[in-house]
Structures are given as structure tokens and as C-alpha cells.
Amino acid sequence: MKAKAVRLHGAMDLRLDEFELPAIKDDEMLVKVMSDSICMSSYKMASLGTAHKRVHEDAAEHPPICGHEMAGTIVEVGAKYADLYQPGQKFTIQPAINYKGSMDSPGYSYEFCGGDATYCILPHEIFDTNSFLVFEGEGFYQASLAEPLSCSIGALNAMYHTDMGSYEHKMGIVEGGKLAITAGAGPMGLGALTYALHRDRKPSLIVVTDIDQERLDRAESLFPPEQMKAEEGIELHFVNTGVVDDPVATLLEITGGTGYDDVLCYAPVAAVIEQSSAILGRDGCLNFFAGPTDTEFSAPINFYDVHYNSTHVMGTTGGNTQDMIEALELTAAGRIDPAVMVTHVGGLDVAAETTMTLPQIPGGKKLIYTHVSMPLVALSELRDWVEKDERFAGLADIVEANNGLWSPEAERYLLEHWGENDAA
């Protein structure tokens, strides 16, 4: 059958192609992709091309489909899985499949599997690794955002601590402890924040830092500190470290001088990493989440504290399948709302340009609907588009009534009013 998809032909060479999908094999599945949220990792893939560790050298001859934060519905099930799944079921996948130690991944490595597509074929590796997940929730976007949300879930779950005199690693953030999310007012930081606030094992203090006041103001409007204190029992602060004389002293003062048990760093910036190291308390764990593109990137940390205060540094690059399941379950239960990560929506026709220019586009997650032709529009600017297209009026009404957030109602409206056009 015919499909359209954004595919990588080389470094900074993404194209919206139309091509024929082959018939599926017994151990494959044909799916209709409905949504894909664009990840900074896809920008790194686009910028590096075949130099990316997950991209095959023959990408020019067999271009992989971009996008790995996908959701959609089953169209055709291979004979091997016919008793397990049925056409029409909603799905998402864990793209970090780690099949037999390989770094191959949907959205990077497969010619016929990726999220920025109208239709694609899921290979057997996804099923062999239990990376196919049925989704029972309302919105496709909720399933798309389960993958990036799982990365933040994994980051908190992978933190670890020790007791003096013991070598045993106690996994996870400190319950009742102090958590800092540095450079954390972006989409991934907000994912970590909503999870930290609403999970079972919670800190008593969370501080979110950034140097973009607009992003901090939006974060504070979504998570009002007084409300979070009343509902979750957590003291929450938002700090612009770009306007204070001594960011480290300011952040340490909030803790009463003890420092932080857990610090998540969301920017590959040496100054932010140094700052994150400096605010660690005893046995403090620093998780460097933001992967740099520079293979020589480094930053100073305090090794006196490593030796005498048992501070330690680690890094996570994503979540695992269990983290994704947790994301889906918490979302379905209404405990967390991944929509806090979304600031823009658009159609498949803008996915390539959006991916290649992602660092220059402000805001959070860019959500792509693959069967829609639509410009990339900020949720805060929907009303500005009404003069060009009156359909935006209804969409703006829905988003504004939901505190500026995307929602299942907004998704239904978009799919109904922009129509099923296979991104024509």
C-alpha cells in the first residue's frame, strides 16, 4: 500500500516521500500512525546523518523513517500475533528495543518503521522484545508522549544512593528528600516535574531552574506552588538562575544549606553542570540527562565532594518498557497529564522542517498529526490564525478553556475538522 513519511536521506536531508510499503510478513504488523511528537534526539539524528550511532551507512539507498514517539491503530496483524492483537486497537511502542544488543531503533534505523508516517510496518524485533504496547486511553497524543515521559520516569528511577559503610545502591530518588531540576522548564523537565509531584514516592522539596523567564512563568502557571503544597505536600520553587548574583548560593539557601539529594540536569552546558554539581548534598546524585552532540564535551565537577561527601554522577538516555507502562497507567488514571509538555501542533507536511530547525523553535514538544496537513502552530497563538482559517477558532476555544493545554477534546476537534486527508 502507499504511504507517506519523512525519511532521512543524509545529514540535514529530510524529505517527505511517498512510497510503496511491502506486504507484511507473518511476524510483522501494519499500523496506521496517527500522532508523533518530535524529539530532540531526532534533530541530532538529522544533523549527524549516518554519523549517528543508530543510523545505517546505507541510509541514502534505504532511507529510514524519522520519528519514534508514535501512536496509532492496528491495520493488519501478521499470522504469528493474530491471537494477541486485533485491527483497530490503539498502540504505542518502546523504541529503545535493544534487540540482541543492537542499537537499531524505530525512527532511526528502519526503512519502513517510524513515527513521521501515515502507515508503517512494525518489525518482529518490537514484538520479540515486548516493546509493543496496547493503549486504552482517549488521545493518541497521550500514547505518543508516553515515550518522552518514560525517559523522565526512568531518570528518577535510575537515581541511586548509599548508606555509610554499605556498598548497596538504593535505587530511586530519596523519599522526602530535596530534588533540583536544573534547566528544567523545557518539555522534558516538565515531564520530570509532573512525575515527581504525582508519583507515590515523592520528595519534600522540588526546585526548578531555568534562565528563560517565559518558560518558568508557564511552568509556574501549570504547577502553582501553593496548590502543589496543599495537594501534594511538596514545597515547590521556580528560580531564574540567570538573574541572581550567585545561583549556587541561592539554590543552597532554599535547602537550608544542606544541598540536594537528587539533581536532574537537562542542559548540555558546562556552566549548568558545574552548578548542578555544586548544589549536591551529602550522597547527592547528579543525573546528566541532556545528551550532547559534541563527543569531546566535558565539564568540571567537584571531586573533593566525590571523595568526602559521596556525591556521584550518572546519566540516563531514555526509559525502558516498564517506565512506559507506568507512564501509560498514570496517564490513564488521570494522575499525570503529559500535555504539559506540548506547546505546538502541526501536520506531517511540516515535520521535516520542524525536526531540522527544532533548536530554533521555542517552547516544548511539537506534536505532529500524520494524517493532517497543517502549519506548525503554537497553542498560545491559535487565536492569531483564525483570520487565515476559521477552523482555528474552535480549536482555540478548547485549548484556552483547558488552561492552554492540549487535550483529547482538542485532538478530536483537529482530526474532525482538518479531515482525513493522508497529509495530502
Protein backbone atom coordinates (compact mmCIF):
# COMPACT_ATOMS: atom_id res chain seq x y z
CA MET A 1 0.00 0.00 0.00
CA LYS A 2 1.01 3.62 -0.45
CA ALA A 3 2.46 5.52 2.49
CA LYS A 4 3.91 8.95 3.11
CA ALA A 5 6.73 9.51 5.56
CA VAL A 6 9.53 11.86 6.49
CA ARG A 7 12.75 9.97 5.74
CA LEU A 8 16.44 10.63 6.29
CA HIS A 9 18.48 10.69 3.07
CA GLY A 10 21.59 12.24 4.63
CA ALA A 11 22.73 14.82 7.17
CA MET A 12 20.14 17.61 7.24
CA ASP A 13 18.38 15.99 4.31
CA LEU A 14 14.89 15.01 5.46
CA ARG A 15 12.21 14.58 2.81
CA LEU A 16 8.51 13.86 2.82
CA ASP A 17 8.39 10.86 0.47
CA GLU A 18 5.57 8.80 -0.96
CA PHE A 19 6.41 5.13 -1.49
CA GLU A 20 5.02 1.63 -1.55
CA LEU A 21 5.05 -0.44 1.62
CA PRO A 22 5.72 -4.16 1.07
CA ALA A 23 3.28 -6.80 2.23
CA ILE A 24 3.82 -7.69 5.87
CA LYS A 25 5.42 -10.97 6.94
CA ASP A 26 3.91 -13.35 9.47
CA ASP A 27 5.94 -11.78 12.28
CA GLU A 28 5.19 -8.15 11.39
CA MET A 29 2.29 -5.72 11.76
CA LEU A 30 0.89 -2.99 9.53
CA VAL A 31 -0.19 0.06 11.52
CA LYS A 32 -1.76 3.43 10.85
CA VAL A 33 0.26 6.09 12.64
CA MET A 34 -1.89 8.95 13.96
CA SER A 35 0.50 11.07 16.03
CA ASP A 36 4.20 11.52 16.67
CA SER A 37 5.86 14.00 18.99
CA ILE A 38 9.18 15.32 17.77
CA CYS A 39 12.19 14.64 19.98
CA MET A 40 15.48 16.50 20.19
CA SER A 41 17.06 13.12 19.54
CA SER A 42 15.52 13.21 16.06
CA TYR A 43 17.19 16.56 15.47
CA LYS A 44 20.51 15.01 16.49
CA MET A 45 19.84 12.20 14.03
CA ALA A 46 19.06 14.70 11.27
CA SER A 47 22.16 16.77 11.98
CA LEU A 48 24.53 13.79 12.13
CA GLY A 49 23.05 11.61 9.38
CA THR A 50 24.99 8.36 9.03
CA ALA A 51 27.42 9.53 11.73
CA HIS A 52 24.64 8.84 14.23
CA LYS A 53 25.15 5.54 16.03
CA ARG A 54 21.63 4.33 15.26
CA VAL A 55 21.63 5.24 11.53
CA HIS A 56 22.86 2.67 8.99
CA GLU A 57 25.57 3.58 6.50
CA ASP A 58 23.27 2.78 3.57
CA ALA A 59 20.69 5.42 4.53
CA ALA A 60 20.92 7.08 1.12
CA GLU A 61 19.82 3.84 -0.56
CA HIS A 62 17.41 2.74 2.18
CA PRO A 63 16.30 5.92 3.97
CA PRO A 64 14.93 5.30 7.47
CA ILE A 65 11.63 6.83 8.56
CA CYS A 66 12.11 9.52 11.21
CA GLY A 67 10.22 9.80 14.49
CA HIS A 68 9.98 7.38 17.38
CA GLU A 69 7.30 8.82 19.69
CA MET A 70 4.40 7.33 17.76
CA ALA A 71 0.84 6.23 18.40
CA GLY A 72 -1.86 4.90 16.14
CA THR A 73 -4.08 1.94 15.36
CA ILE A 74 -3.51 -1.60 14.12
CA VAL A 75 -4.43 -2.22 10.48
CA GLU A 76 -3.22 -5.76 9.78
CA VAL A 77 -1.74 -8.36 12.13
CA GLY A 78 0.79 -10.96 11.00
CA ALA A 79 -0.24 -14.58 11.48
CA LYS A 80 2.15 -15.03 14.43
CA TYR A 81 0.28 -12.44 16.52
CA ALA A 82 -3.26 -12.97 15.23
CA ASP A 83 -4.43 -14.39 18.58
CA LEU A 84 -2.92 -11.49 20.54
CA TYR A 85 -3.97 -8.33 18.71
CA GLN A 86 -6.85 -7.12 16.58
CA PRO A 87 -7.18 -4.43 13.92
CA GLY A 88 -8.47 -1.17 15.37
CA GLN A 89 -6.63 -1.40 18.69
CA LYS A 90 -4.65 1.68 19.70
CA PHE A 91 -0.94 1.19 20.26
CA THR A 92 2.38 2.78 21.03
CA ILE A 93 5.88 1.30 21.14
CA GLN A 94 9.01 1.47 23.25
CA PRO A 95 11.56 2.42 20.57
CA ALA A 96 14.64 1.55 22.68
CA ILE A 97 14.22 -2.12 21.83
CA ASN A 98 17.88 -3.12 22.40
CA TYR A 99 17.39 -6.21 20.27
CA LYS A 100 20.27 -8.64 20.93
CA GLY A 101 22.49 -5.73 21.96
CA SER A 102 21.92 -3.78 18.74
CA MET A 103 21.33 -0.01 18.79
CA ASP A 104 18.85 -0.28 15.91
CA SER A 105 15.68 1.57 16.74
CA PRO A 106 12.43 2.61 15.06
CA GLY A 107 12.72 6.20 13.93
CA TYR A 108 16.45 5.85 13.22
CA SER A 109 17.26 2.52 11.62
CA TYR A 110 14.26 1.06 9.79
CA GLU A 111 13.25 1.78 6.21
CA PHE A 112 9.60 1.00 6.86
CA CYS A 113 9.15 1.78 10.56
CA GLY A 114 8.95 5.22 12.13
CA GLY A 115 6.55 7.74 13.60
CA ASP A 116 6.52 10.50 10.99
CA ALA A 117 4.48 8.37 8.61
CA THR A 118 0.90 7.74 7.57
CA TYR A 119 1.40 3.98 7.71
CA CYS A 120 4.37 1.82 8.66
CA ILE A 121 5.37 -1.78 9.34
CA LEU A 122 6.41 -2.86 12.82
CA PRO A 123 9.22 -5.44 12.59
CA HIS A 124 9.45 -8.62 14.64
CA GLU A 125 12.13 -7.11 16.89
CA ILE A 126 9.48 -4.94 18.55
CA PHE A 127 7.42 -7.99 19.50
CA ASP A 128 10.41 -10.14 20.41
CA THR A 129 11.43 -7.52 22.99
CA ASN A 130 7.89 -6.92 24.34
CA SER A 131 8.10 -3.33 23.13
CA PHE A 132 4.61 -3.23 21.60
CA LEU A 133 2.09 -1.67 23.97
CA VAL A 134 -1.69 -1.58 23.58
CA PHE A 135 -3.12 1.74 24.76
CA GLU A 136 -6.60 2.08 26.26
CA GLY A 137 -6.63 5.85 26.79
CA GLU A 138 -8.52 8.59 24.96
CA GLY A 139 -5.98 10.58 23.00
CA PHE A 140 -3.34 9.40 20.56
CA TYR A 141 -1.09 12.20 21.82
CA GLN A 142 -1.15 10.66 25.29
CA ALA A 143 0.37 7.48 23.89
CA SER A 144 2.92 9.42 21.81
CA LEU A 145 4.04 11.32 24.89
CA ALA A 146 4.39 8.14 26.96
CA GLU A 147 7.85 7.62 25.42
CA PRO A 148 9.35 11.02 26.33
CA LEU A 149 7.58 10.88 29.68
CA SER A 150 9.08 7.44 30.29
CA CYS A 151 12.53 8.97 29.81
CA SER A 152 11.92 11.29 32.76
CA ILE A 153 10.38 8.46 34.75
CA GLY A 154 13.47 6.38 34.04
CA ALA A 155 15.72 9.25 35.08
CA LEU A 156 14.15 9.43 38.53
CA ASN A 157 14.02 5.66 38.93
CA ALA A 158 17.69 5.30 37.95
CA MET A 159 18.98 7.68 40.63
CA TYR A 160 20.71 5.87 43.47
CA HIS A 161 22.04 6.38 46.99
CA THR A 162 24.09 4.56 49.62
CA ASP A 163 24.42 4.42 53.38
CA MET A 164 27.78 4.99 55.04
CA GLY A 165 29.59 1.70 55.42
CA SER A 166 27.43 -0.05 52.82
CA TYR A 167 28.09 -0.70 49.15
CA GLU A 168 24.45 -1.41 48.35
CA HIS A 169 22.84 1.02 45.89
CA LYS A 170 19.33 2.05 46.90
CA MET A 171 17.56 2.88 43.67
CA GLY A 172 15.39 5.92 43.10
CA ILE A 173 15.22 9.43 44.47
CA VAL A 174 15.27 9.99 48.23
CA GLU A 175 11.76 9.79 49.65
CA GLY A 176 11.04 13.04 51.45
CA GLY A 177 14.31 14.42 50.09
CA LYS A 178 15.28 17.51 48.13
CA LEU A 179 15.18 17.47 44.33
CA ALA A 180 16.50 20.06 41.87
CA ILE A 181 15.67 20.03 38.15
CA THR A 182 18.21 22.34 36.52
CA ALA A 183 17.50 23.89 33.13
CA GLY A 184 14.19 22.20 33.79
CA ALA A 185 11.40 24.40 32.42
CA GLY A 186 11.51 22.75 28.99
CA PRO A 187 9.35 19.79 27.93
CA MET A 188 11.49 17.04 29.43
CA GLY A 189 11.98 18.94 32.67
CA LEU A 190 8.23 19.46 32.96
CA GLY A 191 7.74 15.76 32.34
CA ALA A 192 10.07 15.03 35.24
CA LEU A 193 8.29 17.63 37.38
CA THR A 194 4.78 16.28 36.84
CA TYR A 195 6.03 12.77 37.58
CA ALA A 196 7.92 13.82 40.72
CA LEU A 197 4.87 15.66 42.01
CA HIS A 198 2.34 12.89 41.42
CA ARG A 199 4.23 9.61 41.89
CA ASP A 200 3.93 7.53 45.06
CA ARG A 201 7.49 8.11 46.26
CA LYS A 202 7.87 11.88 46.49
CA PRO A 203 10.46 14.42 47.60
CA SER A 204 9.53 17.12 50.11
CA LEU A 205 11.15 19.91 48.10
CA ILE A 206 11.47 20.49 44.35
CA VAL A 207 13.32 23.41 42.78
CA VAL A 208 13.11 24.02 39.04
CA THR A 209 15.70 26.32 37.47
CA ASP A 210 15.96 27.94 34.06
CA ILE A 211 17.21 31.19 32.50
CA ASP A 212 14.10 31.70 30.37
CA GLN A 213 11.55 33.61 32.44
CA GLU A 214 8.76 32.96 29.97
CA ARG A 215 9.26 29.20 30.29
CA LEU A 216 9.41 29.50 34.09
CA ASP A 217 6.21 31.56 34.16
CA ARG A 218 4.41 28.95 32.07
CA ALA A 219 5.67 26.16 34.33
CA GLU A 220 4.53 28.03 37.43
CA SER A 221 1.08 28.62 35.92
CA LEU A 222 0.76 24.88 35.27
CA PHE A 223 2.06 23.92 38.72
CA PRO A 224 1.14 26.71 41.18
CA PRO A 225 3.37 26.26 44.25
CA GLU A 226 0.59 26.94 46.77
CA GLN A 227 -1.66 24.39 45.08
CA MET A 228 1.12 21.79 44.92
CA LYS A 229 1.83 22.32 48.61
CA ALA A 230 -1.83 21.88 49.50
CA GLU A 231 -2.49 18.89 47.23
CA GLU A 232 0.82 17.02 47.23
CA GLY A 233 2.57 18.29 50.35
CA ILE A 234 5.60 19.34 48.33
CA GLU A 235 7.37 22.70 48.58
CA LEU A 236 7.93 23.93 45.02
CA HIS A 237 10.15 26.78 43.80
CA PHE A 238 10.89 28.18 40.33
CA VAL A 239 14.21 30.04 40.10
CA ASN A 240 15.66 32.07 37.23
CA THR A 241 19.37 31.46 37.73
CA GLY A 242 20.17 34.00 35.04
CA VAL A 243 19.11 36.98 37.14
CA VAL A 244 20.60 36.15 40.55
CA ASP A 245 24.14 37.16 41.54
CA ASP A 246 25.13 33.77 42.92
CA PRO A 247 22.94 30.91 41.62
CA VAL A 248 24.65 28.25 43.74
CA ALA A 249 24.24 30.22 46.96
CA THR A 250 20.62 30.98 46.10
CA LEU A 251 19.79 27.35 45.45
CA LEU A 252 21.60 26.11 48.54
CA GLU A 253 19.80 28.68 50.69
CA ILE A 254 16.45 27.16 49.70
CA THR A 255 17.61 23.84 51.19
CA GLY A 256 18.75 25.46 54.41
CA GLY A 257 22.34 24.81 53.40
CA THR A 258 22.10 21.01 53.19
CA GLY A 259 22.20 20.79 49.41
CA TYR A 260 20.11 18.49 47.24
CA ASP A 261 19.76 14.74 47.46
CA ASP A 262 18.94 14.46 43.75
CA VAL A 263 19.70 16.76 40.83
CA LEU A 264 18.47 16.25 37.27
CA CYS A 265 20.41 18.30 34.72
CA TYR A 266 18.58 18.95 31.46
CA ALA A 267 21.11 21.04 29.52
CA PRO A 268 24.46 20.03 27.96
CA VAL A 269 26.01 23.29 29.13
CA ALA A 270 29.21 23.21 31.17
CA ALA A 271 28.13 26.04 33.48
CA VAL A 272 24.84 24.30 34.28
CA ILE A 273 26.61 21.01 35.01
CA GLU A 274 29.12 22.74 37.28
CA GLN A 275 26.25 24.45 39.07
CA SER A 276 24.39 21.15 39.40
CA SER A 277 27.47 19.53 40.94
CA ALA A 278 27.97 22.39 43.36
CA ILE A 279 24.48 22.13 44.88
CA LEU A 280 24.66 18.42 45.71
CA GLY A 281 24.36 17.49 49.36
CA ARG A 282 25.96 14.51 51.03
CA ASP A 283 25.43 11.34 48.97
CA GLY A 284 23.83 13.55 46.35
CA CYS A 285 23.13 12.01 42.94
CA LEU A 286 23.51 14.06 39.76
CA ASN A 287 21.81 12.64 36.67
CA PHE A 288 23.09 14.27 33.48
CA PHE A 289 20.13 13.68 31.19
CA ALA A 290 20.82 16.01 28.27
CA GLY A 291 22.91 14.18 25.68
CA PRO A 292 25.44 16.41 23.87
CA THR A 293 26.28 16.12 20.18
CA ASP A 294 29.93 17.07 20.84
CA THR A 295 31.88 13.87 21.52
CA GLU A 296 34.54 15.93 23.37
CA PHE A 297 32.07 17.68 25.67
CA SER A 298 33.20 17.87 29.30
CA ALA A 299 32.55 19.96 32.38
CA PRO A 300 34.20 20.34 35.81
CA ILE A 301 32.72 18.70 38.88
CA ASN A 302 33.92 18.82 42.48
CA PHE A 303 35.99 15.71 43.16
CA TYR A 304 36.59 16.72 46.78
CA ASP A 305 32.87 16.17 47.29
CA VAL A 306 33.01 12.92 45.32
CA HIS A 307 35.59 11.62 47.77
CA TYR A 308 34.43 13.06 51.10
CA ASN A 309 30.71 13.61 50.58
CA SER A 310 29.94 10.56 48.41
CA THR A 311 28.44 12.66 45.64
CA HIS A 312 28.14 10.83 42.35
CA VAL A 313 27.32 11.43 38.70
CA MET A 314 25.38 9.23 36.30
CA GLY A 315 23.44 9.59 33.09
CA THR A 316 20.31 8.17 31.51
CA THR A 317 19.30 8.47 27.87
CA GLY A 318 15.76 7.12 27.96
CA GLY A 319 13.32 4.90 29.76
CA ASN A 320 12.59 1.21 29.48
CA THR A 321 9.36 -0.59 28.69
CA GLN A 322 8.31 -0.69 32.35
CA ASP A 323 8.77 3.08 32.57
CA MET A 324 6.50 3.45 29.52
CA ILE A 325 3.89 1.20 31.06
CA GLU A 326 4.00 3.33 34.20
CA ALA A 327 3.57 6.47 32.08
CA LEU A 328 0.56 5.00 30.30
CA GLU A 329 -1.02 3.78 33.55
CA LEU A 330 -0.55 7.10 35.37
CA THR A 331 -1.95 8.97 32.37
CA ALA A 332 -4.96 6.67 32.03
CA ALA A 333 -5.63 7.07 35.76
CA GLY A 334 -5.57 10.86 35.43
CA ARG A 335 -2.71 11.23 37.89
CA ILE A 336 -0.40 12.93 35.41
CA ASP A 337 -1.11 14.97 32.29
CA PRO A 338 1.61 14.67 29.63
CA ALA A 339 0.03 17.60 27.79
CA VAL A 340 2.14 19.93 29.95
CA MET A 341 4.99 19.03 27.58
CA VAL A 342 3.18 20.16 24.39
CA THR A 343 3.36 23.72 23.04
CA HIS A 344 2.86 23.25 19.27
CA VAL A 345 0.79 21.12 16.90
CA GLY A 346 1.13 20.60 13.15
CA GLY A 347 0.71 18.20 10.25
CA LEU A 348 3.03 15.75 8.56
CA ASP A 349 3.87 18.32 5.88
CA VAL A 350 5.84 20.40 8.44
CA ALA A 351 7.51 17.51 10.28
CA ALA A 352 10.76 17.57 8.28
CA GLU A 353 11.35 21.31 8.64
CA THR A 354 10.33 21.23 12.30
CA THR A 355 12.80 18.43 13.05
CA MET A 356 15.70 20.14 11.27
CA THR A 357 15.06 23.51 12.97
CA LEU A 358 13.94 22.20 16.36
CA PRO A 359 16.57 24.03 18.47
CA GLN A 360 15.44 27.36 16.99
CA ILE A 361 11.74 26.85 17.79
CA PRO A 362 10.89 27.99 21.32
CA GLY A 363 8.61 26.12 23.67
CA GLY A 364 8.11 22.47 24.42
CA LYS A 365 7.03 19.40 22.49
CA LYS A 366 5.96 19.71 18.86
CA LEU A 367 3.08 17.30 18.25
CA ILE A 368 2.60 16.05 14.69
CA TYR A 369 -0.65 14.56 13.38
CA THR A 370 0.36 12.46 10.42
CA HIS A 371 -2.95 12.41 8.53
CA VAL A 372 -3.33 16.18 8.67
CA SER A 373 -1.98 18.99 6.52
CA MET A 374 -1.46 21.91 8.86
CA PRO A 375 1.23 24.50 9.66
CA LEU A 376 3.14 24.23 12.92
CA VAL A 377 1.17 26.43 15.32
CA ALA A 378 1.90 27.34 18.92
CA LEU A 379 -1.03 26.60 21.22
CA SER A 380 -0.71 30.11 22.63
CA GLU A 381 -1.13 31.56 19.13
CA LEU A 382 -4.11 29.55 17.83
CA ARG A 383 -6.35 32.62 18.05
CA ASP A 384 -3.98 34.53 15.78
CA TRP A 385 -4.66 32.04 12.96
CA VAL A 386 -8.45 32.50 12.92
CA GLU A 387 -8.31 35.24 10.28
CA LYS A 388 -6.47 32.87 7.92
CA ASP A 389 -8.55 29.79 8.79
CA GLU A 390 -11.77 29.97 10.82
CA ARG A 391 -11.34 26.36 11.98
CA PHE A 392 -8.73 27.61 14.43
CA ALA A 393 -11.43 29.47 16.40
CA GLY A 394 -12.96 26.30 17.78
CA LEU A 395 -9.55 24.81 18.50
CA ALA A 396 -8.50 27.97 20.34
CA ASP A 397 -11.69 27.86 22.42
CA ILE A 398 -10.97 24.31 23.54
CA VAL A 399 -7.31 24.95 24.39
CA GLU A 400 -8.00 28.21 26.23
CA ALA A 401 -10.71 26.53 28.30
CA ASN A 402 -8.12 23.91 29.35
CA ASN A 403 -5.55 26.33 30.78
CA GLY A 404 -3.70 26.49 27.45
CA LEU A 405 -3.12 22.73 27.33
CA TRP A 406 -3.76 20.18 24.60
CA SER A 407 -6.44 17.61 25.41
CA PRO A 408 -8.40 14.66 23.98
CA GLU A 409 -11.17 17.12 23.06
CA ALA A 410 -8.71 19.29 21.15
CA GLU A 411 -7.36 16.23 19.35
CA ARG A 412 -10.85 15.09 18.35
CA TYR A 413 -11.67 18.55 17.04
CA LEU A 414 -8.48 18.72 14.99
CA LEU A 415 -8.98 15.28 13.45
CA GLU A 416 -12.62 16.01 12.68
CA HIS A 417 -12.20 19.49 11.21
CA TRP A 418 -8.94 19.08 9.35
CA GLY A 419 -10.20 15.80 7.99
CA GLU A 420 -8.70 12.51 6.92
CA ASN A 421 -6.52 13.54 4.01
CA ASP A 422 -3.41 11.38 4.40
CA ALA A 423 -1.38 14.59 4.66
CA ALA A 424 -2.18 15.38 1.02
